[in-house]
Amino acid sequence: MHALEIDVLRGPSQPRWAMWLLLALALAFAFDTTRHYFSLQEQLAVKRARLARATAQVSQPSKQIQPADAEEYKFARQVISRLALPWEQLFRSLEAARTDDLALLEVAPDPSTGAVMLSGEAPSYLAVLTYAARLAEQPELREVRLARHEIKNDGKTWLFGISASWQADR
């Protein structure tokens, strides 16, 4: 009989070339990662320099800004006066006077005179007169007048213009 030899401490023989291959792959990976890291550091330095130049250019006062002339001030005052109008009161009045068979196409207020011009279309002349009468009942509107009226070429639709003084609390 043969003697049985059990050696639990000795491992199976592994090929040495696999260890060297894994070491070479690990070194290549480490080299590539290091190279990529330094490349990113260079890109970051370039971008920081660009940002510093752009910040320096923005912080310098521009020599192209010129003072506004009288015409620009006049236009700015007109815009401010239009924005300061009590639009809510005007629209509340227009909503209170509205009818279902009438379409209001334009509302053109004039802040310098306190007038408003309304343009629209209706299916009949009676609808136009009814709308004008309902507008005259609104407390914010005074001197409501039918400024123009005409029938369209289709013979079914009336175009109209109504002027009024806008007496809102400013």
Foldseek 3Di string as FASTA:
>chain_A
DDDDDDDPVDDDDDDPVVVVVVVVVVVVVVVVVVVVVVVVVVVVVVVVVVVVVVVVVVPDDDPPDDDDDPVVVVVVVQVVLVVPDPVVLVVVLLVQLDDPQWDWDDWAADSVQQKIKIKTKGQDPVNVVSSQVSSCPRPQWHPKDWPDWDADPVRGMIITMIMTGGRDDD
